[in-house]
């Protein structure tokens, strides 16, 4: 990446802040008690609503897991000295891309369908940023 130690310290702080945000969000979700779905004490519509809320909470947790994995991978790449280099092509990842998606491992975004010549580009990354 050509970035010195000060840039890596900034990236590490960004990644740790993202990790801490995800951990805090998980803790907030864990504090919510599951709804009691007793048919005698709660009406049908309230049970359906409670089930939808629970399903959405599970979907949010499933969405966070890949991002959490990317963050931990980026932190380990900083430690190993591989951070900032594309895992597929070995090219330098642009600083602007790392600013936007600090946990990215690819130098370029996914190709668009209208650009068949870029099929070999890196696979897409998702971010909650």
C-alpha atoms as a PDB file:
ATOM      1  CA  UNK A   1       0.000   0.000   0.000  1.00  0.00           C
ATOM      2  CA  UNK A   2       2.910   2.284   0.459  1.00  0.00           C
ATOM      3  CA  UNK A   3       1.325   3.631   3.626  1.00  0.00           C
ATOM      4  CA  UNK A   4       3.508   4.129   6.615  1.00  0.00           C
ATOM      5  CA  UNK A   5       2.879   3.263  10.230  1.00  0.00           C
ATOM      6  CA  UNK A   6       0.834   6.453  10.924  1.00  0.00           C
ATOM      7  CA  UNK A   7      -1.664   5.499   8.190  1.00  0.00           C
ATOM      8  CA  UNK A   8      -1.929   1.977   9.539  1.00  0.00           C
ATOM      9  CA  UNK A   9      -2.620   3.344  13.017  1.00  0.00           C
ATOM     10  CA  UNK A  10      -5.461   5.428  11.582  1.00  0.00           C
ATOM     11  CA  UNK A  11      -6.846   2.412   9.721  1.00  0.00           C
ATOM     12  CA  UNK A  12      -6.573   0.265  12.853  1.00  0.00           C
ATOM     13  CA  UNK A  13      -8.524   2.900  14.832  1.00  0.00           C
ATOM     14  CA  UNK A  14     -11.199   3.006  12.114  1.00  0.00           C
ATOM     15  CA  UNK A  15     -11.525  -0.770  12.106  1.00  0.00           C
ATOM     16  CA  UNK A  16     -11.604  -0.988  15.894  1.00  0.00           C
ATOM     17  CA  UNK A  17     -14.322   1.690  15.970  1.00  0.00           C
ATOM     18  CA  UNK A  18     -16.372  -0.305  13.438  1.00  0.00           C
ATOM     19  CA  UNK A  19     -15.858  -3.472  15.473  1.00  0.00           C
ATOM     20  CA  UNK A  20     -16.891  -1.707  18.679  1.00  0.00           C
ATOM     21  CA  UNK A  21     -20.016  -0.370  16.969  1.00  0.00           C
ATOM     22  CA  UNK A  22     -21.021  -3.860  15.853  1.00  0.00           C
ATOM     23  CA  UNK A  23     -20.340  -5.290  19.326  1.00  0.00           C
ATOM     24  CA  UNK A  24     -22.435  -2.520  20.918  1.00  0.00           C
ATOM     25  CA  UNK A  25     -25.262  -3.129  18.442  1.00  0.00           C
ATOM     26  CA  UNK A  26     -25.141  -6.861  19.215  1.00  0.00           C
ATOM     27  CA  UNK A  27     -25.263  -6.137  22.950  1.00  0.00           C
ATOM     28  CA  UNK A  28     -28.273  -3.861  22.483  1.00  0.00           C
ATOM     29  CA  UNK A  29     -30.048  -6.588  20.516  1.00  0.00           C
ATOM     30  CA  UNK A  30     -29.180  -9.196  23.155  1.00  0.00           C
ATOM     31  CA  UNK A  31     -30.733  -7.045  25.882  1.00  0.00           C
ATOM     32  CA  UNK A  32     -34.107  -7.286  24.224  1.00  0.00           C
ATOM     33  CA  UNK A  33     -36.023 -10.182  25.681  1.00  0.00           C
ATOM     34  CA  UNK A  34     -37.721 -12.543  23.246  1.00  0.00           C
ATOM     35  CA  UNK A  35     -41.454 -12.007  23.017  1.00  0.00           C
ATOM     36  CA  UNK A  36     -43.779 -14.370  24.775  1.00  0.00           C
ATOM     37  CA  UNK A  37     -45.990 -15.906  22.146  1.00  0.00           C
ATOM     38  CA  UNK A  38     -48.583 -17.499  24.430  1.00  0.00           C
ATOM     39  CA  UNK A  39     -51.846 -17.752  22.541  1.00  0.00           C
ATOM     40  CA  UNK A  40     -53.902 -17.251  25.683  1.00  0.00           C
ATOM     41  CA  UNK A  41     -52.287 -13.965  26.766  1.00  0.00           C
ATOM     42  CA  UNK A  42     -51.581 -12.285  23.417  1.00  0.00           C
ATOM     43  CA  UNK A  43     -53.753 -11.775  20.363  1.00  0.00           C
ATOM     44  CA  UNK A  44     -52.957 -13.213  16.946  1.00  0.00           C
ATOM     45  CA  UNK A  45     -51.825  -9.909  15.400  1.00  0.00           C
ATOM     46  CA  UNK A  46     -49.501  -9.166  18.308  1.00  0.00           C
ATOM     47  CA  UNK A  47     -47.957 -12.646  17.980  1.00  0.00           C
ATOM     48  CA  UNK A  48     -47.432 -12.105  14.243  1.00  0.00           C
ATOM     49  CA  UNK A  49     -45.844  -8.724  14.938  1.00  0.00           C
ATOM     50  CA  UNK A  50     -43.558 -10.222  17.593  1.00  0.00           C
ATOM     51  CA  UNK A  51     -42.495 -12.983  15.211  1.00  0.00           C
ATOM     52  CA  UNK A  52     -41.683 -10.417  12.512  1.00  0.00           C
ATOM     53  CA  UNK A  53     -39.590  -8.369  14.947  1.00  0.00           C
ATOM     54  CA  UNK A  54     -37.684 -11.494  15.976  1.00  0.00           C
ATOM     55  CA  UNK A  55     -37.102 -12.466  12.341  1.00  0.00           C
ATOM     56  CA  UNK A  56     -35.798  -8.982  11.549  1.00  0.00           C
ATOM     57  CA  UNK A  57     -33.439  -9.109  14.549  1.00  0.00           C
ATOM     58  CA  UNK A  58     -32.049 -12.432  13.322  1.00  0.00           C
ATOM     59  CA  UNK A  59     -31.596 -11.018   9.819  1.00  0.00           C
ATOM     60  CA  UNK A  60     -29.664  -8.059  11.227  1.00  0.00           C
ATOM     61  CA  UNK A  61     -27.391 -10.433  13.147  1.00  0.00           C
ATOM     62  CA  UNK A  62     -26.783 -12.512  10.003  1.00  0.00           C
ATOM     63  CA  UNK A  63     -25.947  -9.301   8.115  1.00  0.00           C
ATOM     64  CA  UNK A  64     -23.446  -8.194  10.770  1.00  0.00           C
ATOM     65  CA  UNK A  65     -21.482 -11.450  10.843  1.00  0.00           C
ATOM     66  CA  UNK A  66     -19.770 -11.086   7.433  1.00  0.00           C
ATOM     67  CA  UNK A  67     -18.872  -7.468   8.234  1.00  0.00           C
ATOM     68  CA  UNK A  68     -17.446  -8.558  11.581  1.00  0.00           C
ATOM     69  CA  UNK A  69     -15.382 -11.221   9.787  1.00  0.00           C
ATOM     70  CA  UNK A  70     -14.047  -8.651   7.283  1.00  0.00           C
ATOM     71  CA  UNK A  71     -13.049  -6.332  10.140  1.00  0.00           C
ATOM     72  CA  UNK A  72     -11.171  -9.078  11.993  1.00  0.00           C
ATOM     73  CA  UNK A  73      -9.488 -10.136   8.762  1.00  0.00           C
ATOM     74  CA  UNK A  74      -8.403  -6.550   8.054  1.00  0.00           C
ATOM     75  CA  UNK A  75      -6.988  -6.221  11.574  1.00  0.00           C
ATOM     76  CA  UNK A  76      -4.998  -9.425  11.143  1.00  0.00           C
ATOM     77  CA  UNK A  77      -3.761  -8.201   7.735  1.00  0.00           C
ATOM     78  CA  UNK A  78      -2.488  -5.030   9.419  1.00  0.00           C
ATOM     79  CA  UNK A  79      -0.619  -7.189  11.931  1.00  0.00           C
ATOM     80  CA  UNK A  80       0.872  -9.374   9.188  1.00  0.00           C
ATOM     81  CA  UNK A  81       1.821  -6.434   6.956  1.00  0.00           C
ATOM     82  CA  UNK A  82      -0.550  -7.418   4.126  1.00  0.00           C
ATOM     83  CA  UNK A  83      -3.112  -4.658   4.664  1.00  0.00           C
ATOM     84  CA  UNK A  84      -3.672  -2.436   1.645  1.00  0.00           C
ATOM     85  CA  UNK A  85      -2.778  -5.047  -0.966  1.00  0.00           C
ATOM     86  CA  UNK A  86      -5.443  -6.743  -3.084  1.00  0.00           C
ATOM     87  CA  UNK A  87      -5.804 -10.446  -2.259  1.00  0.00           C
ATOM     88  CA  UNK A  88      -6.751 -11.309  -5.846  1.00  0.00           C
ATOM     89  CA  UNK A  89      -4.452  -9.274  -8.056  1.00  0.00           C
ATOM     90  CA  UNK A  90      -1.766  -8.098  -5.617  1.00  0.00           C
ATOM     91  CA  UNK A  91      -2.215  -4.452  -6.595  1.00  0.00           C
ATOM     92  CA  UNK A  92      -2.177  -1.571  -4.188  1.00  0.00           C
ATOM     93  CA  UNK A  93      -5.669  -0.714  -2.860  1.00  0.00           C
ATOM     94  CA  UNK A  94      -6.355   2.996  -3.351  1.00  0.00           C
ATOM     95  CA  UNK A  95      -6.385   5.102  -0.183  1.00  0.00           C
ATOM     96  CA  UNK A  96      -9.795   6.547  -1.127  1.00  0.00           C
ATOM     97  CA  UNK A  97     -11.234   3.038  -1.348  1.00  0.00           C
ATOM     98  CA  UNK A  98      -9.778   2.176   2.060  1.00  0.00           C
ATOM     99  CA  UNK A  99     -11.199   5.441   3.433  1.00  0.00           C
ATOM    100  CA  UNK A 100     -14.659   4.375   2.315  1.00  0.00           C
ATOM    101  CA  UNK A 101     -14.357   0.632   3.049  1.00  0.00           C
ATOM    102  CA  UNK A 102     -11.484   0.113   5.511  1.00  0.00           C
ATOM    103  CA  UNK A 103     -12.077  -3.659   5.689  1.00  0.00           C
ATOM    104  CA  UNK A 104     -11.884  -4.220   1.928  1.00  0.00           C
ATOM    105  CA  UNK A 105      -9.501  -6.806   0.511  1.00  0.00           C
ATOM    106  CA  UNK A 106      -9.975  -5.940  -3.177  1.00  0.00           C
ATOM    107  CA  UNK A 107      -8.416  -3.165  -5.232  1.00  0.00           C
ATOM    108  CA  UNK A 108     -11.418  -2.630  -7.475  1.00  0.00           C
ATOM    109  CA  UNK A 109     -15.196  -2.868  -7.109  1.00  0.00           C
ATOM    110  CA  UNK A 110     -17.234  -5.572  -8.768  1.00  0.00           C
ATOM    111  CA  UNK A 111     -17.686  -5.267 -12.532  1.00  0.00           C
ATOM    112  CA  UNK A 112     -20.988  -4.044 -13.893  1.00  0.00           C
ATOM    113  CA  UNK A 113     -22.924  -6.205 -16.316  1.00  0.00           C
ATOM    114  CA  UNK A 114     -22.333  -3.616 -19.040  1.00  0.00           C
ATOM    115  CA  UNK A 115     -18.543  -4.009 -18.643  1.00  0.00           C
ATOM    116  CA  UNK A 116     -17.715  -7.599 -19.654  1.00  0.00           C
ATOM    117  CA  UNK A 117     -13.992  -6.796 -20.007  1.00  0.00           C
ATOM    118  CA  UNK A 118     -13.786  -6.326 -16.239  1.00  0.00           C
ATOM    119  CA  UNK A 119     -14.962  -9.846 -15.373  1.00  0.00           C
ATOM    120  CA  UNK A 120     -11.647 -10.589 -13.682  1.00  0.00           C
ATOM    121  CA  UNK A 121     -12.089  -7.717 -11.224  1.00  0.00           C
ATOM    122  CA  UNK A 122     -12.318  -8.372  -7.517  1.00  0.00           C
ATOM    123  CA  UNK A 123     -15.560  -9.633  -6.035  1.00  0.00           C
ATOM    124  CA  UNK A 124     -17.812  -7.090  -4.342  1.00  0.00           C
ATOM    125  CA  UNK A 125     -17.405  -6.046  -0.739  1.00  0.00           C
ATOM    126  CA  UNK A 126     -20.274  -4.940   1.477  1.00  0.00           C
ATOM    127  CA  UNK A 127     -19.986  -2.421   4.213  1.00  0.00           C
ATOM    128  CA  UNK A 128     -22.205  -0.966   6.809  1.00  0.00           C
ATOM    129  CA  UNK A 129     -20.519   2.378   6.491  1.00  0.00           C
END
